[in-house]
């Protein structure tokens, strides 16, 4: 896996006589990833493009699976909590008339 998103872009090079000034932009591929809260784009050479794209897709798939596991974990805890509420009985048990259990008397 490679952390980041594989992105194909088109850009201008800045040369005043280049074809890109007439709208024929240069294709470029980068790996985009957040590093310390900032997006970093790293150029990917043509020789590495297929491999980096495949490994980036693996990373994205892994992250989606991880997020789903997190949602399932939260839901599992909610279900267990509901089960606990259903299986737990109060003590002392409620009595008719709204009183709960006998009072103890102190001898003085």
N, C-alpha and C. Protein backbone atom coordinates (compact mmCIF):
# COMPACT_ATOMS: atom_id res chain seq x y z
N UNK A 1 0.84 -1.19 0.00
CA UNK A 1 0.00 0.00 0.00
C UNK A 1 0.88 1.24 0.00
N UNK A 2 0.38 2.27 -0.60
CA UNK A 2 1.01 3.59 -0.56
C UNK A 2 -0.05 4.57 -0.08
N UNK A 3 0.28 5.32 0.97
CA UNK A 3 -0.66 6.30 1.53
C UNK A 3 -0.80 7.47 0.58
N UNK A 4 -2.03 7.76 0.19
CA UNK A 4 -2.31 8.89 -0.68
C UNK A 4 -3.25 8.52 -1.81
N UNK A 5 -3.57 9.51 -2.61
CA UNK A 5 -4.48 9.35 -3.74
C UNK A 5 -3.72 9.63 -5.03
N UNK A 6 -3.83 8.70 -5.97
CA UNK A 6 -3.20 8.84 -7.28
C UNK A 6 -4.06 9.78 -8.12
N UNK A 7 -3.44 10.85 -8.64
CA UNK A 7 -4.20 11.88 -9.35
C UNK A 7 -3.52 12.19 -10.68
N UNK A 8 -4.32 12.22 -11.76
CA UNK A 8 -3.83 12.68 -13.06
C UNK A 8 -4.32 14.11 -13.24
N UNK A 9 -3.41 14.98 -13.63
CA UNK A 9 -3.73 16.39 -13.79
C UNK A 9 -3.19 16.88 -15.13
N UNK A 10 -3.60 18.09 -15.49
CA UNK A 10 -3.04 18.76 -16.66
C UNK A 10 -2.62 20.15 -16.19
N UNK A 11 -1.43 20.59 -16.66
CA UNK A 11 -0.94 21.89 -16.18
C UNK A 11 -0.13 22.60 -17.25
N UNK A 12 0.09 23.88 -16.97
CA UNK A 12 0.94 24.71 -17.83
C UNK A 12 2.36 24.67 -17.28
N UNK A 13 3.32 24.72 -18.18
CA UNK A 13 4.73 24.70 -17.75
C UNK A 13 5.28 26.10 -17.49
N UNK A 14 4.69 27.11 -18.08
CA UNK A 14 5.16 28.47 -17.86
C UNK A 14 6.00 29.04 -18.97
N UNK A 15 6.41 28.24 -19.94
CA UNK A 15 7.20 28.75 -21.06
C UNK A 15 6.27 29.51 -22.00
N UNK A 16 6.62 30.72 -22.37
CA UNK A 16 5.71 31.55 -23.17
C UNK A 16 5.44 31.00 -24.57
N UNK A 17 6.32 30.19 -25.15
CA UNK A 17 6.12 29.69 -26.52
C UNK A 17 5.63 28.24 -26.55
N UNK A 18 5.33 27.67 -25.42
CA UNK A 18 4.92 26.26 -25.34
C UNK A 18 3.47 26.09 -25.80
N UNK A 19 3.16 24.88 -26.25
CA UNK A 19 1.79 24.55 -26.69
C UNK A 19 0.77 24.69 -25.57
N UNK A 20 1.23 24.60 -24.32
CA UNK A 20 0.28 24.68 -23.20
C UNK A 20 -0.31 26.08 -23.07
N UNK A 21 0.34 27.08 -23.61
CA UNK A 21 -0.23 28.43 -23.57
C UNK A 21 -1.43 28.55 -24.50
N UNK A 22 -1.54 27.62 -25.46
CA UNK A 22 -2.67 27.59 -26.40
C UNK A 22 -3.73 26.58 -25.97
N UNK A 23 -3.62 26.07 -24.74
CA UNK A 23 -4.65 25.18 -24.22
C UNK A 23 -4.30 23.71 -24.22
N UNK A 24 -3.19 23.31 -24.85
CA UNK A 24 -2.79 21.90 -24.87
C UNK A 24 -1.91 21.64 -23.64
N UNK A 25 -2.55 21.41 -22.53
CA UNK A 25 -1.85 21.28 -21.25
C UNK A 25 -1.03 19.99 -21.17
N UNK A 26 -0.02 20.00 -20.31
CA UNK A 26 0.86 18.85 -20.10
C UNK A 26 0.22 17.90 -19.08
N UNK A 27 0.14 16.61 -19.42
CA UNK A 27 -0.38 15.66 -18.43
C UNK A 27 0.68 15.40 -17.36
N UNK A 28 0.23 15.26 -16.14
CA UNK A 28 1.13 14.98 -15.03
C UNK A 28 0.39 14.09 -14.04
N UNK A 29 1.10 13.19 -13.41
CA UNK A 29 0.49 12.35 -12.38
C UNK A 29 1.23 12.59 -11.07
N UNK A 30 0.44 12.66 -9.99
CA UNK A 30 1.02 12.90 -8.67
C UNK A 30 0.34 11.97 -7.66
N UNK A 31 1.02 11.79 -6.56
CA UNK A 31 0.45 11.12 -5.41
C UNK A 31 0.15 12.22 -4.41
N UNK A 32 -1.13 12.39 -4.08
CA UNK A 32 -1.56 13.45 -3.18
C UNK A 32 -1.83 12.86 -1.81
N UNK A 33 -1.18 13.42 -0.78
CA UNK A 33 -1.36 12.92 0.58
C UNK A 33 -1.25 14.08 1.57
N UNK A 34 -1.96 13.96 2.67
CA UNK A 34 -1.89 14.95 3.73
C UNK A 34 -0.73 14.62 4.65
N UNK A 35 0.15 15.59 4.85
CA UNK A 35 1.30 15.43 5.73
C UNK A 35 1.28 16.59 6.72
N UNK A 36 1.15 16.28 7.99
CA UNK A 36 1.10 17.30 9.05
C UNK A 36 0.03 18.35 8.76
N UNK A 37 -1.12 17.90 8.26
CA UNK A 37 -2.24 18.79 8.02
C UNK A 37 -2.20 19.55 6.70
N UNK A 38 -1.18 19.34 5.89
CA UNK A 38 -1.09 20.01 4.60
C UNK A 38 -1.03 18.99 3.47
N UNK A 39 -1.69 19.31 2.37
CA UNK A 39 -1.68 18.42 1.21
C UNK A 39 -0.35 18.54 0.48
N UNK A 40 0.25 17.40 0.23
CA UNK A 40 1.53 17.34 -0.51
C UNK A 40 1.29 16.52 -1.77
N UNK A 41 1.71 17.06 -2.89
CA UNK A 41 1.64 16.36 -4.17
C UNK A 41 3.04 15.95 -4.57
N UNK A 42 3.24 14.65 -4.79
CA UNK A 42 4.54 14.13 -5.17
C UNK A 42 4.45 13.60 -6.60
N UNK A 43 5.32 14.10 -7.46
CA UNK A 43 5.34 13.68 -8.86
C UNK A 43 5.61 12.17 -8.96
N UNK A 44 4.87 11.51 -9.85
CA UNK A 44 5.06 10.08 -10.10
C UNK A 44 5.55 9.92 -11.54
N UNK A 45 6.78 9.43 -11.73
CA UNK A 45 7.30 9.23 -13.09
C UNK A 45 6.51 8.16 -13.84
N UNK A 46 6.55 8.22 -15.15
CA UNK A 46 5.80 7.29 -16.01
C UNK A 46 6.11 5.84 -15.67
N UNK A 47 7.36 5.53 -15.36
CA UNK A 47 7.75 4.15 -15.07
C UNK A 47 7.09 3.60 -13.81
N UNK A 48 6.69 4.47 -12.90
CA UNK A 48 6.09 4.03 -11.62
C UNK A 48 4.58 4.17 -11.57
N UNK A 49 3.97 4.74 -12.58
CA UNK A 49 2.54 5.09 -12.52
C UNK A 49 1.64 3.91 -12.23
N UNK A 50 1.78 2.82 -12.96
CA UNK A 50 0.87 1.67 -12.78
C UNK A 50 0.99 1.10 -11.37
N UNK A 51 2.22 0.97 -10.89
CA UNK A 51 2.45 0.41 -9.55
C UNK A 51 1.90 1.34 -8.46
N UNK A 52 2.20 2.63 -8.57
CA UNK A 52 1.74 3.59 -7.57
C UNK A 52 0.21 3.68 -7.58
N UNK A 53 -0.39 3.66 -8.75
CA UNK A 53 -1.85 3.71 -8.82
C UNK A 53 -2.46 2.48 -8.15
N UNK A 54 -1.92 1.29 -8.43
CA UNK A 54 -2.43 0.05 -7.82
C UNK A 54 -2.28 0.07 -6.30
N UNK A 55 -1.10 0.48 -5.82
CA UNK A 55 -0.86 0.50 -4.38
C UNK A 55 -1.67 1.59 -3.68
N UNK A 56 -1.92 2.69 -4.35
CA UNK A 56 -2.77 3.75 -3.80
C UNK A 56 -4.22 3.28 -3.70
N UNK A 57 -4.68 2.55 -4.71
CA UNK A 57 -6.04 2.00 -4.66
C UNK A 57 -6.17 0.98 -3.52
N UNK A 58 -5.13 0.21 -3.28
CA UNK A 58 -5.14 -0.73 -2.16
C UNK A 58 -5.27 0.02 -0.83
N UNK A 59 -4.56 1.12 -0.72
CA UNK A 59 -4.63 1.94 0.49
C UNK A 59 -6.04 2.50 0.68
N UNK A 60 -6.63 3.01 -0.39
CA UNK A 60 -7.99 3.56 -0.31
C UNK A 60 -8.99 2.48 0.11
N UNK A 61 -8.84 1.29 -0.45
CA UNK A 61 -9.72 0.16 -0.10
C UNK A 61 -9.55 -0.21 1.37
N UNK A 62 -8.31 -0.25 1.82
CA UNK A 62 -8.02 -0.55 3.22
C UNK A 62 -8.68 0.48 4.14
N UNK A 63 -8.57 1.76 3.81
CA UNK A 63 -9.15 2.81 4.64
C UNK A 63 -10.68 2.72 4.69
N UNK A 64 -11.30 2.36 3.56
CA UNK A 64 -12.76 2.19 3.56
C UNK A 64 -13.16 1.03 4.46
N UNK A 65 -12.41 -0.08 4.40
CA UNK A 65 -12.69 -1.24 5.25
C UNK A 65 -12.49 -0.89 6.72
N UNK A 66 -11.45 -0.13 7.02
CA UNK A 66 -11.20 0.30 8.40
C UNK A 66 -12.35 1.16 8.92
N UNK A 67 -12.83 2.08 8.11
CA UNK A 67 -13.95 2.94 8.51
C UNK A 67 -15.20 2.10 8.78
N UNK A 68 -15.45 1.11 7.94
CA UNK A 68 -16.61 0.24 8.13
C UNK A 68 -16.47 -0.56 9.43
N UNK A 69 -15.28 -1.04 9.72
CA UNK A 69 -15.05 -1.74 11.00
C UNK A 69 -15.33 -0.83 12.18
N UNK A 70 -14.95 0.42 12.07
CA UNK A 70 -15.24 1.39 13.14
C UNK A 70 -16.73 1.57 13.34
N UNK A 71 -17.48 1.68 12.24
CA UNK A 71 -18.94 1.82 12.34
C UNK A 71 -19.55 0.56 12.96
N UNK A 72 -19.05 -0.61 12.56
CA UNK A 72 -19.57 -1.86 13.12
C UNK A 72 -19.25 -1.98 14.61
N UNK A 73 -18.09 -1.52 15.02
CA UNK A 73 -17.71 -1.58 16.43
C UNK A 73 -18.65 -0.72 17.27
N UNK A 74 -18.94 0.49 16.79
CA UNK A 74 -19.85 1.37 17.51
C UNK A 74 -21.23 0.73 17.60
N UNK A 75 -21.70 0.18 16.50
CA UNK A 75 -23.03 -0.46 16.49
C UNK A 75 -23.04 -1.67 17.42
N UNK A 76 -21.96 -2.44 17.45
CA UNK A 76 -21.88 -3.60 18.34
C UNK A 76 -22.00 -3.19 19.80
N UNK A 77 -21.32 -2.12 20.18
CA UNK A 77 -21.40 -1.63 21.56
C UNK A 77 -22.82 -1.17 21.87
N UNK A 78 -23.48 -0.52 20.93
CA UNK A 78 -24.86 -0.09 21.14
C UNK A 78 -25.78 -1.29 21.37
N UNK A 79 -25.59 -2.35 20.60
CA UNK A 79 -26.41 -3.56 20.75
C UNK A 79 -26.14 -4.23 22.09
N UNK A 80 -24.87 -4.32 22.50
CA UNK A 80 -24.53 -4.93 23.78
C UNK A 80 -25.10 -4.10 24.93
N UNK A 81 -25.06 -2.78 24.83
CA UNK A 81 -25.65 -1.94 25.86
C UNK A 81 -27.16 -2.14 25.97
N UNK A 82 -27.82 -2.25 24.83
CA UNK A 82 -29.26 -2.50 24.83
C UNK A 82 -29.57 -3.87 25.45
N UNK A 83 -28.75 -4.87 25.14
CA UNK A 83 -28.93 -6.20 25.72
C UNK A 83 -28.73 -6.14 27.23
N UNK A 84 -27.73 -5.42 27.68
CA UNK A 84 -27.51 -5.27 29.11
C UNK A 84 -28.73 -4.65 29.79
N UNK A 85 -29.30 -3.61 29.19
CA UNK A 85 -30.49 -2.97 29.75
C UNK A 85 -31.65 -3.96 29.85
N UNK A 86 -31.80 -4.82 28.85
CA UNK A 86 -32.88 -5.80 28.87
C UNK A 86 -32.67 -6.90 29.91
N UNK A 87 -31.43 -7.28 30.14
CA UNK A 87 -31.14 -8.40 31.04
C UNK A 87 -30.92 -7.99 32.49
N UNK A 88 -30.77 -6.71 32.75
CA UNK A 88 -30.48 -6.25 34.10
C UNK A 88 -31.78 -5.92 34.81
N UNK A 89 -31.90 -6.46 36.02
CA UNK A 89 -33.09 -6.15 36.82
C UNK A 89 -32.68 -5.28 38.00
N UNK A 90 -33.58 -4.42 38.43
CA UNK A 90 -33.26 -3.52 39.54
C UNK A 90 -33.25 -4.25 40.87
N UNK A 91 -32.45 -3.76 41.78
CA UNK A 91 -32.48 -4.29 43.13
C UNK A 91 -32.42 -3.11 44.09
N UNK A 92 -33.25 -3.07 45.05
CA UNK A 92 -34.30 -4.03 45.36
C UNK A 92 -35.44 -3.92 44.36
N UNK A 93 -36.14 -5.02 44.17
CA UNK A 93 -37.24 -5.01 43.19
C UNK A 93 -38.31 -4.01 43.61
N UNK A 94 -38.99 -3.47 42.63
CA UNK A 94 -40.08 -2.54 42.90
C UNK A 94 -41.24 -3.29 43.54
N UNK A 95 -41.93 -2.61 44.46
CA UNK A 95 -43.13 -3.19 45.07
C UNK A 95 -44.31 -2.33 44.70
N UNK A 96 -45.48 -2.89 44.86
CA UNK A 96 -46.69 -2.12 44.56
C UNK A 96 -46.79 -0.96 45.54
N UNK A 97 -47.29 0.15 45.07
CA UNK A 97 -47.44 1.31 45.91
C UNK A 97 -46.25 2.25 45.82
N UNK A 98 -45.27 1.88 45.03
CA UNK A 98 -44.16 2.77 44.78
C UNK A 98 -43.05 2.73 45.82
N UNK A 99 -43.17 1.88 46.85
CA UNK A 99 -42.11 1.79 47.85
C UNK A 99 -41.10 0.73 47.43
N UNK A 100 -39.87 0.95 47.78
CA UNK A 100 -38.82 0.01 47.39
C UNK A 100 -38.19 -0.61 48.62
N UNK A 101 -38.64 -1.79 48.99
CA UNK A 101 -38.03 -2.55 50.07
C UNK A 101 -38.43 -2.09 51.46
N UNK A 102 -38.06 -2.87 52.44
CA UNK A 102 -38.42 -2.58 53.84
C UNK A 102 -37.41 -1.59 54.42
N UNK A 103 -37.91 -0.82 55.38
CA UNK A 103 -37.05 0.15 56.06
C UNK A 103 -36.37 -0.54 57.22
N UNK A 104 -35.15 -0.19 57.43
CA UNK A 104 -34.51 -0.72 58.62
C UNK A 104 -34.74 0.26 59.77
N UNK A 105 -34.96 -0.30 60.96
CA UNK A 105 -35.17 0.55 62.13
C UNK A 105 -33.97 0.48 63.03
N UNK A 106 -33.57 1.64 63.46
CA UNK A 106 -32.46 1.71 64.40
C UNK A 106 -32.97 1.62 65.83
N UNK A 107 -32.28 0.81 66.55
CA UNK A 107 -32.62 0.76 67.96
C UNK A 107 -31.71 1.72 68.68
N UNK A 108 -32.27 2.45 69.54
CA UNK A 108 -31.49 3.48 70.13
C UNK A 108 -31.29 3.43 71.51
